[in-house]
Amino acid sequence: MDFINIIGAMAQEDMKKTKILASLTIAQAILESNWGKSSLAQAPNYNLFGIKGTYKGNYVIKPTSEFENGKWIKINAKFRKYPSWRESIADHSALFNSMARYKNLRGCTDYKLACKYVREDGYATDPGYTQKLINLIEANNLTRFDKVSTNNTNTYTVKSGDTLSKIASKYGTTYQELAKINNIKNPNLIYPGQVLKLT
Protein backbone atom coordinates (compact mmCIF):
# COMPACT_ATOMS: atom_id res chain seq x y z
CA MET A 1 0.00 0.00 0.00
CA ASP A 2 2.94 2.38 0.57
CA PHE A 3 3.89 2.01 -3.08
CA ILE A 4 0.31 2.86 -4.14
CA ASN A 5 0.20 5.95 -1.94
CA ILE A 6 3.56 7.24 -3.16
CA ILE A 7 2.87 6.58 -6.84
CA GLY A 8 -0.81 7.53 -6.49
CA ALA A 9 -0.03 11.06 -5.33
CA MET A 10 2.41 11.53 -8.22
CA ALA A 11 -0.02 10.04 -10.79
CA GLN A 12 -2.88 12.20 -9.54
CA GLU A 13 -0.75 15.35 -9.77
CA ASP A 14 0.41 14.29 -13.24
CA MET A 15 -3.21 13.66 -14.36
CA LYS A 16 -4.13 17.29 -13.60
CA LYS A 17 -1.53 18.42 -16.14
CA THR A 18 -1.64 15.65 -18.75
CA LYS A 19 -5.23 14.27 -18.65
CA ILE A 20 -3.86 10.69 -18.49
CA LEU A 21 -6.01 8.68 -16.06
CA ALA A 22 -4.20 8.20 -12.73
CA SER A 23 -5.63 4.71 -12.13
CA LEU A 24 -4.17 3.54 -15.46
CA THR A 25 -0.77 5.05 -14.63
CA ILE A 26 -0.69 3.41 -11.18
CA ALA A 27 -1.87 0.00 -12.46
CA GLN A 28 0.77 0.05 -15.20
CA ALA A 29 3.44 1.05 -12.67
CA ILE A 30 2.44 -1.87 -10.40
CA LEU A 31 2.34 -4.39 -13.25
CA GLU A 32 5.44 -3.24 -15.11
CA SER A 33 7.63 -2.77 -12.02
CA ASN A 34 6.31 -5.53 -9.71
CA TRP A 35 5.21 -2.95 -7.13
CA GLY A 36 8.40 -0.93 -7.59
CA LYS A 37 10.61 -3.94 -6.80
CA SER A 38 11.98 -4.75 -10.28
CA SER A 39 15.64 -3.99 -10.87
CA LEU A 40 14.60 -1.58 -13.62
CA ALA A 41 12.36 0.40 -11.23
CA GLN A 42 14.91 0.56 -8.43
CA ALA A 43 17.81 3.03 -8.18
CA PRO A 44 19.66 3.98 -10.30
CA ASN A 45 17.21 3.37 -13.19
CA TYR A 46 13.79 4.42 -11.76
CA ASN A 47 11.96 3.10 -14.85
CA LEU A 48 8.49 2.15 -13.57
CA PHE A 49 6.91 1.32 -16.93
CA GLY A 50 9.49 -0.69 -18.83
CA ILE A 51 9.71 2.09 -21.43
CA LYS A 52 12.38 1.29 -23.98
CA GLY A 53 14.80 3.73 -25.60
CA THR A 54 16.70 6.59 -23.97
CA TYR A 55 15.74 9.45 -21.63
CA LYS A 56 17.91 12.55 -22.13
CA GLY A 57 20.58 10.19 -23.46
CA ASN A 58 20.40 7.82 -20.46
CA TYR A 59 19.59 4.12 -20.74
CA VAL A 60 20.38 0.66 -19.41
CA ILE A 61 20.44 -2.72 -21.29
CA LYS A 62 18.23 -5.40 -19.72
CA PRO A 63 16.83 -8.80 -20.77
CA THR A 64 13.08 -8.85 -21.33
CA SER A 65 10.30 -11.12 -22.64
CA GLU A 66 8.14 -10.23 -25.65
CA PHE A 67 5.10 -12.07 -27.02
CA GLU A 68 5.69 -12.57 -30.76
CA ASN A 69 4.09 -14.95 -33.27
CA GLY A 70 2.09 -16.70 -30.54
CA LYS A 71 4.98 -17.37 -28.17
CA TRP A 72 7.20 -15.69 -25.57
CA ILE A 73 10.77 -14.88 -26.60
CA LYS A 74 13.72 -13.42 -24.64
CA ILE A 75 15.56 -10.36 -25.97
CA ASN A 76 18.03 -7.78 -24.67
CA ALA A 77 16.64 -4.25 -24.93
CA LYS A 78 17.63 -0.66 -24.21
CA PHE A 79 15.46 0.84 -21.44
CA ARG A 80 15.16 4.48 -20.40
CA LYS A 81 16.92 5.54 -17.20
CA TYR A 82 15.36 8.31 -15.06
CA PRO A 83 16.51 10.53 -12.15
CA SER A 84 13.39 9.56 -10.12
CA TRP A 85 9.95 7.89 -10.23
CA ARG A 86 8.37 11.34 -10.73
CA GLU A 87 10.23 11.78 -14.05
CA SER A 88 9.30 8.23 -15.03
CA ILE A 89 5.59 9.04 -14.54
CA ALA A 90 5.89 12.36 -16.41
CA ASP A 91 7.66 10.66 -19.32
CA HIS A 92 5.03 7.89 -19.41
CA SER A 93 2.28 10.51 -19.84
CA ALA A 94 4.39 12.50 -22.31
CA LEU A 95 4.68 9.33 -24.43
CA PHE A 96 0.86 8.98 -24.51
CA ASN A 97 0.39 12.68 -25.28
CA SER A 98 3.01 12.87 -28.03
CA MET A 99 2.33 9.69 -30.04
CA ALA A 100 -0.71 9.69 -32.34
CA ARG A 101 -1.49 6.02 -31.69
CA TYR A 102 -2.30 6.82 -28.02
CA LYS A 103 -4.65 9.76 -28.71
CA ASN A 104 -7.68 7.81 -27.43
CA LEU A 105 -6.09 7.77 -23.93
CA ARG A 106 -6.05 11.58 -23.66
CA GLY A 107 -8.89 12.70 -21.45
CA CYS A 108 -10.32 9.16 -21.19
CA THR A 109 -12.16 8.89 -17.84
CA ASP A 110 -13.32 5.25 -18.06
CA TYR A 111 -10.60 3.01 -16.60
CA LYS A 112 -11.84 -0.12 -18.41
CA LEU A 113 -11.67 1.64 -21.75
CA ALA A 114 -8.25 3.11 -20.92
CA CYS A 115 -6.95 -0.40 -20.08
CA LYS A 116 -8.39 -1.72 -23.36
CA TYR A 117 -6.98 1.14 -25.42
CA VAL A 118 -3.45 0.98 -24.00
CA ARG A 119 -3.16 -2.68 -25.04
CA GLU A 120 -4.80 -2.14 -28.46
CA ASP A 121 -2.59 0.89 -29.13
CA GLY A 122 0.45 -1.37 -28.88
CA TYR A 123 1.90 -0.60 -25.45
CA ALA A 124 2.23 -4.28 -24.49
CA THR A 125 2.37 -7.57 -26.37
CA ASP A 126 0.85 -9.66 -23.52
CA PRO A 127 -2.66 -10.79 -24.65
CA GLY A 128 -3.86 -10.65 -21.01
CA TYR A 129 -2.56 -7.12 -20.39
CA THR A 130 -5.95 -5.36 -20.34
CA GLN A 131 -7.50 -7.73 -17.80
CA LYS A 132 -4.40 -7.63 -15.55
CA LEU A 133 -4.65 -3.82 -15.38
CA ILE A 134 -8.41 -3.89 -14.69
CA ASN A 135 -7.89 -6.47 -11.92
CA LEU A 136 -5.21 -4.28 -10.26
CA ILE A 137 -7.41 -1.18 -10.44
CA GLU A 138 -10.43 -2.96 -8.94
CA ALA A 139 -8.55 -4.92 -6.26
CA ASN A 140 -6.78 -1.79 -5.00
CA ASN A 141 -9.55 0.81 -5.52
CA LEU A 142 -7.22 2.84 -7.73
CA THR A 143 -10.11 4.86 -9.19
CA ARG A 144 -10.00 6.93 -5.99
CA PHE A 145 -6.96 8.67 -7.52
CA ASP A 146 -9.00 9.63 -10.61
CA LYS A 147 -11.08 12.06 -8.57
CA VAL A 148 -9.70 15.57 -8.65
CA SER A 149 -11.09 18.04 -6.16
CA THR A 150 -13.58 20.36 -7.84
CA ASN A 151 -13.25 23.13 -5.28
CA ASN A 152 -10.55 25.64 -6.04
CA THR A 153 -9.18 25.64 -2.53
CA ASN A 154 -6.31 23.26 -2.12
CA THR A 155 -6.78 23.15 1.62
CA TYR A 156 -8.41 20.91 4.20
CA THR A 157 -9.66 21.91 7.66
CA VAL A 158 -8.84 19.28 10.28
CA LYS A 159 -11.84 17.79 12.05
CA SER A 160 -11.98 15.96 15.40
CA GLY A 161 -10.71 12.38 15.00
CA ASP A 162 -8.63 13.15 11.89
CA THR A 163 -5.09 11.86 11.48
CA LEU A 164 -2.57 13.04 8.91
CA SER A 165 -2.54 9.51 7.43
CA LYS A 166 -6.33 9.46 7.07
CA ILE A 167 -6.36 12.89 5.38
CA ALA A 168 -3.47 11.89 3.09
CA SER A 169 -5.26 8.69 2.05
CA LYS A 170 -8.45 10.63 1.28
CA TYR A 171 -6.58 12.99 -1.05
CA GLY A 172 -4.32 10.39 -2.67
CA THR A 173 -1.08 11.52 -1.09
CA THR A 174 1.16 10.47 1.81
CA TYR A 175 1.29 11.81 5.35
CA GLN A 176 5.00 12.54 4.78
CA GLU A 177 4.14 14.76 1.80
CA LEU A 178 1.44 16.62 3.80
CA ALA A 179 3.83 17.08 6.72
CA LYS A 180 6.45 18.50 4.35
CA ILE A 181 4.05 20.88 2.57
CA ASN A 182 2.71 22.19 5.90
CA ASN A 183 6.04 22.26 7.81
CA ILE A 184 4.67 19.83 10.41
CA LYS A 185 7.54 18.55 12.55
CA ASN A 186 5.47 15.88 14.35
CA PRO A 187 2.99 14.14 11.99
CA ASN A 188 1.07 12.78 15.02
CA LEU A 189 0.28 16.30 16.22
CA ILE A 190 -2.54 18.00 14.33
CA TYR A 191 -5.58 19.70 15.85
CA PRO A 192 -9.22 20.42 14.90
CA GLY A 193 -9.58 23.70 13.02
CA GLN A 194 -6.04 23.53 11.61
CA VAL A 195 -6.00 24.38 7.90
CA LEU A 196 -3.71 22.12 5.86
CA LYS A 197 -2.42 22.82 2.37
CA LEU A 198 -2.93 19.78 0.11
CA THR A 199 -0.53 20.76 -2.69
C-alpha atoms as a PDB file:
ATOM      1  CA  MET A   1       0.000   0.000   0.000  1.00  0.00           C
ATOM      2  CA  ASP A   2       2.936   2.384   0.574  1.00  0.00           C
ATOM      3  CA  PHE A   3       3.886   2.009  -3.084  1.00  0.00           C
ATOM      4  CA  ILE A   4       0.314   2.859  -4.143  1.00  0.00           C
ATOM      5  CA  ASN A   5       0.195   5.952  -1.938  1.00  0.00           C
ATOM      6  CA  ILE A   6       3.559   7.236  -3.159  1.00  0.00           C
ATOM      7  CA  ILE A   7       2.869   6.581  -6.842  1.00  0.00           C
ATOM      8  CA  GLY A   8      -0.805   7.529  -6.489  1.00  0.00           C
ATOM      9  CA  ALA A   9      -0.028  11.060  -5.326  1.00  0.00           C
ATOM     10  CA  MET A  10       2.406  11.533  -8.221  1.00  0.00           C
ATOM     11  CA  ALA A  11      -0.015  10.041 -10.794  1.00  0.00           C
ATOM     12  CA  GLN A  12      -2.881  12.197  -9.541  1.00  0.00           C
ATOM     13  CA  GLU A  13      -0.745  15.353  -9.770  1.00  0.00           C
ATOM     14  CA  ASP A  14       0.409  14.289 -13.240  1.00  0.00           C
ATOM     15  CA  MET A  15      -3.210  13.656 -14.364  1.00  0.00           C
ATOM     16  CA  LYS A  16      -4.130  17.286 -13.597  1.00  0.00           C
ATOM     17  CA  LYS A  17      -1.528  18.415 -16.143  1.00  0.00           C
ATOM     18  CA  THR A  18      -1.637  15.649 -18.748  1.00  0.00           C
ATOM     19  CA  LYS A  19      -5.226  14.267 -18.649  1.00  0.00           C
ATOM     20  CA  ILE A  20      -3.862  10.690 -18.490  1.00  0.00           C
ATOM     21  CA  LEU A  21      -6.008   8.682 -16.061  1.00  0.00           C
ATOM     22  CA  ALA A  22      -4.203   8.204 -12.729  1.00  0.00           C
ATOM     23  CA  SER A  23      -5.626   4.705 -12.130  1.00  0.00           C
ATOM     24  CA  LEU A  24      -4.171   3.539 -15.461  1.00  0.00           C
ATOM     25  CA  THR A  25      -0.766   5.053 -14.629  1.00  0.00           C
ATOM     26  CA  ILE A  26      -0.695   3.410 -11.177  1.00  0.00           C
ATOM     27  CA  ALA A  27      -1.874   0.003 -12.456  1.00  0.00           C
ATOM     28  CA  GLN A  28       0.766   0.045 -15.198  1.00  0.00           C
ATOM     29  CA  ALA A  29       3.437   1.051 -12.668  1.00  0.00           C
ATOM     30  CA  ILE A  30       2.441  -1.871 -10.402  1.00  0.00           C
ATOM     31  CA  LEU A  31       2.336  -4.387 -13.254  1.00  0.00           C
ATOM     32  CA  GLU A  32       5.437  -3.242 -15.112  1.00  0.00           C
ATOM     33  CA  SER A  33       7.633  -2.774 -12.015  1.00  0.00           C
ATOM     34  CA  ASN A  34       6.312  -5.534  -9.712  1.00  0.00           C
ATOM     35  CA  TRP A  35       5.208  -2.954  -7.130  1.00  0.00           C
ATOM     36  CA  GLY A  36       8.403  -0.926  -7.585  1.00  0.00           C
ATOM     37  CA  LYS A  37      10.606  -3.935  -6.802  1.00  0.00           C
ATOM     38  CA  SER A  38      11.975  -4.748 -10.276  1.00  0.00           C
ATOM     39  CA  SER A  39      15.643  -3.992 -10.867  1.00  0.00           C
ATOM     40  CA  LEU A  40      14.600  -1.580 -13.618  1.00  0.00           C
ATOM     41  CA  ALA A  41      12.356   0.397 -11.235  1.00  0.00           C
ATOM     42  CA  GLN A  42      14.905   0.565  -8.427  1.00  0.00           C
ATOM     43  CA  ALA A  43      17.807   3.031  -8.182  1.00  0.00           C
ATOM     44  CA  PRO A  44      19.661   3.977 -10.300  1.00  0.00           C
ATOM     45  CA  ASN A  45      17.206   3.369 -13.192  1.00  0.00           C
ATOM     46  CA  TYR A  46      13.795   4.418 -11.758  1.00  0.00           C
ATOM     47  CA  ASN A  47      11.962   3.098 -14.853  1.00  0.00           C
ATOM     48  CA  LEU A  48       8.486   2.151 -13.572  1.00  0.00           C
ATOM     49  CA  PHE A  49       6.906   1.317 -16.926  1.00  0.00           C
ATOM     50  CA  GLY A  50       9.490  -0.692 -18.829  1.00  0.00           C
ATOM     51  CA  ILE A  51       9.709   2.094 -21.432  1.00  0.00           C
ATOM     52  CA  LYS A  52      12.376   1.287 -23.984  1.00  0.00           C
ATOM     53  CA  GLY A  53      14.796   3.731 -25.600  1.00  0.00           C
ATOM     54  CA  THR A  54      16.705   6.589 -23.971  1.00  0.00           C
ATOM     55  CA  TYR A  55      15.743   9.448 -21.635  1.00  0.00           C
ATOM     56  CA  LYS A  56      17.906  12.545 -22.133  1.00  0.00           C
ATOM     57  CA  GLY A  57      20.578  10.189 -23.456  1.00  0.00           C
ATOM     58  CA  ASN A  58      20.395   7.819 -20.463  1.00  0.00           C
ATOM     59  CA  TYR A  59      19.586   4.118 -20.744  1.00  0.00           C
ATOM     60  CA  VAL A  60      20.379   0.655 -19.414  1.00  0.00           C
ATOM     61  CA  ILE A  61      20.443  -2.723 -21.288  1.00  0.00           C
ATOM     62  CA  LYS A  62      18.230  -5.398 -19.718  1.00  0.00           C
ATOM     63  CA  PRO A  63      16.832  -8.797 -20.771  1.00  0.00           C
ATOM     64  CA  THR A  64      13.084  -8.851 -21.332  1.00  0.00           C
ATOM     65  CA  SER A  65      10.303 -11.118 -22.644  1.00  0.00           C
ATOM     66  CA  GLU A  66       8.138 -10.228 -25.649  1.00  0.00           C
ATOM     67  CA  PHE A  67       5.104 -12.066 -27.022  1.00  0.00           C
ATOM     68  CA  GLU A  68       5.686 -12.568 -30.760  1.00  0.00           C
ATOM     69  CA  ASN A  69       4.085 -14.952 -33.273  1.00  0.00           C
ATOM     70  CA  GLY A  70       2.089 -16.699 -30.542  1.00  0.00           C
ATOM     71  CA  LYS A  71       4.984 -17.374 -28.165  1.00  0.00           C
ATOM     72  CA  TRP A  72       7.196 -15.686 -25.568  1.00  0.00           C
ATOM     73  CA  ILE A  73      10.773 -14.882 -26.600  1.00  0.00           C
ATOM     74  CA  LYS A  74      13.717 -13.420 -24.638  1.00  0.00           C
ATOM     75  CA  ILE A  75      15.558 -10.360 -25.971  1.00  0.00           C
ATOM     76  CA  ASN A  76      18.035  -7.776 -24.667  1.00  0.00           C
ATOM     77  CA  ALA A  77      16.637  -4.248 -24.934  1.00  0.00           C
ATOM     78  CA  LYS A  78      17.628  -0.663 -24.210  1.00  0.00           C
ATOM     79  CA  PHE A  79      15.461   0.844 -21.443  1.00  0.00           C
ATOM     80  CA  ARG A  80      15.161   4.480 -20.402  1.00  0.00           C
ATOM     81  CA  LYS A  81      16.924   5.540 -17.196  1.00  0.00           C
ATOM     82  CA  TYR A  82      15.361   8.312 -15.063  1.00  0.00           C
ATOM     83  CA  PRO A  83      16.515  10.528 -12.154  1.00  0.00           C
ATOM     84  CA  SER A  84      13.393   9.555 -10.116  1.00  0.00           C
ATOM     85  CA  TRP A  85       9.954   7.893 -10.228  1.00  0.00           C
ATOM     86  CA  ARG A  86       8.367  11.338 -10.735  1.00  0.00           C
ATOM     87  CA  GLU A  87      10.233  11.775 -14.053  1.00  0.00           C
ATOM     88  CA  SER A  88       9.300   8.228 -15.035  1.00  0.00           C
ATOM     89  CA  ILE A  89       5.594   9.039 -14.545  1.00  0.00           C
ATOM     90  CA  ALA A  90       5.891  12.364 -16.407  1.00  0.00           C
ATOM     91  CA  ASP A  91       7.657  10.664 -19.324  1.00  0.00           C
ATOM     92  CA  HIS A  92       5.034   7.886 -19.410  1.00  0.00           C
ATOM     93  CA  SER A  93       2.280  10.509 -19.841  1.00  0.00           C
ATOM     94  CA  ALA A  94       4.394  12.498 -22.312  1.00  0.00           C
ATOM     95  CA  LEU A  95       4.675   9.332 -24.431  1.00  0.00           C
ATOM     96  CA  PHE A  96       0.861   8.978 -24.506  1.00  0.00           C
ATOM     97  CA  ASN A  97       0.391  12.679 -25.278  1.00  0.00           C
ATOM     98  CA  SER A  98       3.009  12.869 -28.035  1.00  0.00           C
ATOM     99  CA  MET A  99       2.331   9.693 -30.045  1.00  0.00           C
ATOM    100  CA  ALA A 100      -0.707   9.693 -32.345  1.00  0.00           C
ATOM    101  CA  ARG A 101      -1.494   6.022 -31.694  1.00  0.00           C
ATOM    102  CA  TYR A 102      -2.296   6.820 -28.021  1.00  0.00           C
ATOM    103  CA  LYS A 103      -4.647   9.760 -28.712  1.00  0.00           C
ATOM    104  CA  ASN A 104      -7.676   7.808 -27.425  1.00  0.00           C
ATOM    105  CA  LEU A 105      -6.095   7.775 -23.926  1.00  0.00           C
ATOM    106  CA  ARG A 106      -6.045  11.579 -23.664  1.00  0.00           C
ATOM    107  CA  GLY A 107      -8.889  12.704 -21.448  1.00  0.00           C
ATOM    108  CA  CYS A 108     -10.318   9.158 -21.189  1.00  0.00           C
ATOM    109  CA  THR A 109     -12.159   8.886 -17.843  1.00  0.00           C
ATOM    110  CA  ASP A 110     -13.321   5.245 -18.059  1.00  0.00           C
ATOM    111  CA  TYR A 111     -10.602   3.013 -16.595  1.00  0.00           C
ATOM    112  CA  LYS A 112     -11.835  -0.117 -18.407  1.00  0.00           C
ATOM    113  CA  LEU A 113     -11.674   1.643 -21.753  1.00  0.00           C
ATOM    114  CA  ALA A 114      -8.247   3.107 -20.916  1.00  0.00           C
ATOM    115  CA  CYS A 115      -6.948  -0.397 -20.083  1.00  0.00           C
ATOM    116  CA  LYS A 116      -8.391  -1.721 -23.356  1.00  0.00           C
ATOM    117  CA  TYR A 117      -6.980   1.144 -25.423  1.00  0.00           C
ATOM    118  CA  VAL A 118      -3.448   0.979 -23.997  1.00  0.00           C
ATOM    119  CA  ARG A 119      -3.162  -2.683 -25.044  1.00  0.00           C
ATOM    120  CA  GLU A 120      -4.797  -2.142 -28.456  1.00  0.00           C
ATOM    121  CA  ASP A 121      -2.587   0.891 -29.130  1.00  0.00           C
ATOM    122  CA  GLY A 122       0.450  -1.375 -28.880  1.00  0.00           C
ATOM    123  CA  TYR A 123       1.899  -0.600 -25.454  1.00  0.00           C
ATOM    124  CA  ALA A 124       2.228  -4.283 -24.493  1.00  0.00           C
ATOM    125  CA  THR A 125       2.372  -7.572 -26.368  1.00  0.00           C
ATOM    126  CA  ASP A 126       0.851  -9.660 -23.525  1.00  0.00           C
ATOM    127  CA  PRO A 127      -2.659 -10.791 -24.653  1.00  0.00           C
ATOM    128  CA  GLY A 128      -3.861 -10.654 -21.011  1.00  0.00           C
ATOM    129  CA  TYR A 129      -2.555  -7.118 -20.386  1.00  0.00           C
ATOM    130  CA  THR A 130      -5.951  -5.356 -20.338  1.00  0.00           C
ATOM    131  CA  GLN A 131      -7.496  -7.725 -17.798  1.00  0.00           C
ATOM    132  CA  LYS A 132      -4.396  -7.631 -15.553  1.00  0.00           C
ATOM    133  CA  LEU A 133      -4.649  -3.815 -15.383  1.00  0.00           C
ATOM    134  CA  ILE A 134      -8.406  -3.890 -14.687  1.00  0.00           C
ATOM    135  CA  ASN A 135      -7.887  -6.469 -11.916  1.00  0.00           C
ATOM    136  CA  LEU A 136      -5.214  -4.284 -10.256  1.00  0.00           C
ATOM    137  CA  ILE A 137      -7.413  -1.182 -10.437  1.00  0.00           C
ATOM    138  CA  GLU A 138     -10.431  -2.959  -8.941  1.00  0.00           C
ATOM    139  CA  ALA A 139      -8.547  -4.923  -6.265  1.00  0.00           C
ATOM    140  CA  ASN A 140      -6.778  -1.787  -4.998  1.00  0.00           C
ATOM    141  CA  ASN A 141      -9.555   0.805  -5.517  1.00  0.00           C
ATOM    142  CA  LEU A 142      -7.220   2.838  -7.734  1.00  0.00           C
ATOM    143  CA  THR A 143     -10.108   4.860  -9.187  1.00  0.00           C
ATOM    144  CA  ARG A 144     -10.000   6.933  -5.985  1.00  0.00           C
ATOM    145  CA  PHE A 145      -6.963   8.670  -7.518  1.00  0.00           C
ATOM    146  CA  ASP A 146      -8.998   9.626 -10.608  1.00  0.00           C
ATOM    147  CA  LYS A 147     -11.079  12.056  -8.570  1.00  0.00           C
ATOM    148  CA  VAL A 148      -9.696  15.566  -8.653  1.00  0.00           C
ATOM    149  CA  SER A 149     -11.092  18.038  -6.160  1.00  0.00           C
ATOM    150  CA  THR A 150     -13.583  20.363  -7.836  1.00  0.00           C
ATOM    151  CA  ASN A 151     -13.255  23.130  -5.279  1.00  0.00           C
ATOM    152  CA  ASN A 152     -10.554  25.640  -6.038  1.00  0.00           C
ATOM    153  CA  THR A 153      -9.181  25.638  -2.528  1.00  0.00           C
ATOM    154  CA  ASN A 154      -6.311  23.261  -2.123  1.00  0.00           C
ATOM    155  CA  THR A 155      -6.777  23.147   1.619  1.00  0.00           C
ATOM    156  CA  TYR A 156      -8.414  20.910   4.203  1.00  0.00           C
ATOM    157  CA  THR A 157      -9.661  21.911   7.657  1.00  0.00           C
ATOM    158  CA  VAL A 158      -8.839  19.283  10.278  1.00  0.00           C
ATOM    159  CA  LYS A 159     -11.843  17.786  12.052  1.00  0.00           C
ATOM    160  CA  SER A 160     -11.977  15.965  15.397  1.00  0.00           C
ATOM    161  CA  GLY A 161     -10.707  12.378  14.995  1.00  0.00           C
ATOM    162  CA  ASP A 162      -8.632  13.150  11.888  1.00  0.00           C
ATOM    163  CA  THR A 163      -5.089  11.858  11.477  1.00  0.00           C
ATOM    164  CA  LEU A 164      -2.572  13.043   8.906  1.00  0.00           C
ATOM    165  CA  SER A 165      -2.544   9.510   7.425  1.00  0.00           C
ATOM    166  CA  LYS A 166      -6.334   9.464   7.071  1.00  0.00           C
ATOM    167  CA  ILE A 167      -6.362  12.890   5.382  1.00  0.00           C
ATOM    168  CA  ALA A 168      -3.474  11.893   3.088  1.00  0.00           C
ATOM    169  CA  SER A 169      -5.255   8.688   2.046  1.00  0.00           C
ATOM    170  CA  LYS A 170      -8.452  10.625   1.284  1.00  0.00           C
ATOM    171  CA  TYR A 171      -6.579  12.989  -1.047  1.00  0.00           C
ATOM    172  CA  GLY A 172      -4.323  10.392  -2.668  1.00  0.00           C
ATOM    173  CA  THR A 173      -1.077  11.523  -1.089  1.00  0.00           C
ATOM    174  CA  THR A 174       1.156  10.468   1.814  1.00  0.00           C
ATOM    175  CA  TYR A 175       1.295  11.811   5.354  1.00  0.00           C
ATOM    176  CA  GLN A 176       5.000  12.537   4.784  1.00  0.00           C
ATOM    177  CA  GLU A 177       4.137  14.756   1.803  1.00  0.00           C
ATOM    178  CA  LEU A 178       1.441  16.615   3.799  1.00  0.00           C
ATOM    179  CA  ALA A 179       3.827  17.078   6.715  1.00  0.00           C
ATOM    180  CA  LYS A 180       6.449  18.495   4.349  1.00  0.00           C
ATOM    181  CA  ILE A 181       4.045  20.885   2.569  1.00  0.00           C
ATOM    182  CA  ASN A 182       2.715  22.189   5.903  1.00  0.00           C
ATOM    183  CA  ASN A 183       6.039  22.259   7.811  1.00  0.00           C
ATOM    184  CA  ILE A 184       4.670  19.830  10.406  1.00  0.00           C
ATOM    185  CA  LYS A 185       7.540  18.548  12.552  1.00  0.00           C
ATOM    186  CA  ASN A 186       5.470  15.883  14.353  1.00  0.00           C
ATOM    187  CA  PRO A 187       2.988  14.141  11.990  1.00  0.00           C
ATOM    188  CA  ASN A 188       1.072  12.778  15.018  1.00  0.00           C
ATOM    189  CA  LEU A 189       0.281  16.299  16.220  1.00  0.00           C
ATOM    190  CA  ILE A 190      -2.541  17.997  14.332  1.00  0.00           C
ATOM    191  CA  TYR A 191      -5.581  19.698  15.850  1.00  0.00           C
ATOM    192  CA  PRO A 192      -9.225  20.420  14.901  1.00  0.00           C
ATOM    193  CA  GLY A 193      -9.580  23.696  13.020  1.00  0.00           C
ATOM    194  CA  GLN A 194      -6.038  23.532  11.613  1.00  0.00           C
ATOM    195  CA  VAL A 195      -6.003  24.383   7.902  1.00  0.00           C
ATOM    196  CA  LEU A 196      -3.712  22.121   5.862  1.00  0.00           C
ATOM    197  CA  LYS A 197      -2.416  22.817   2.373  1.00  0.00           C
ATOM    198  CA  LEU A 198      -2.929  19.780   0.115  1.00  0.00           C
ATOM    199  CA  THR A 199      -0.532  20.759  -2.691  1.00  0.00           C
END
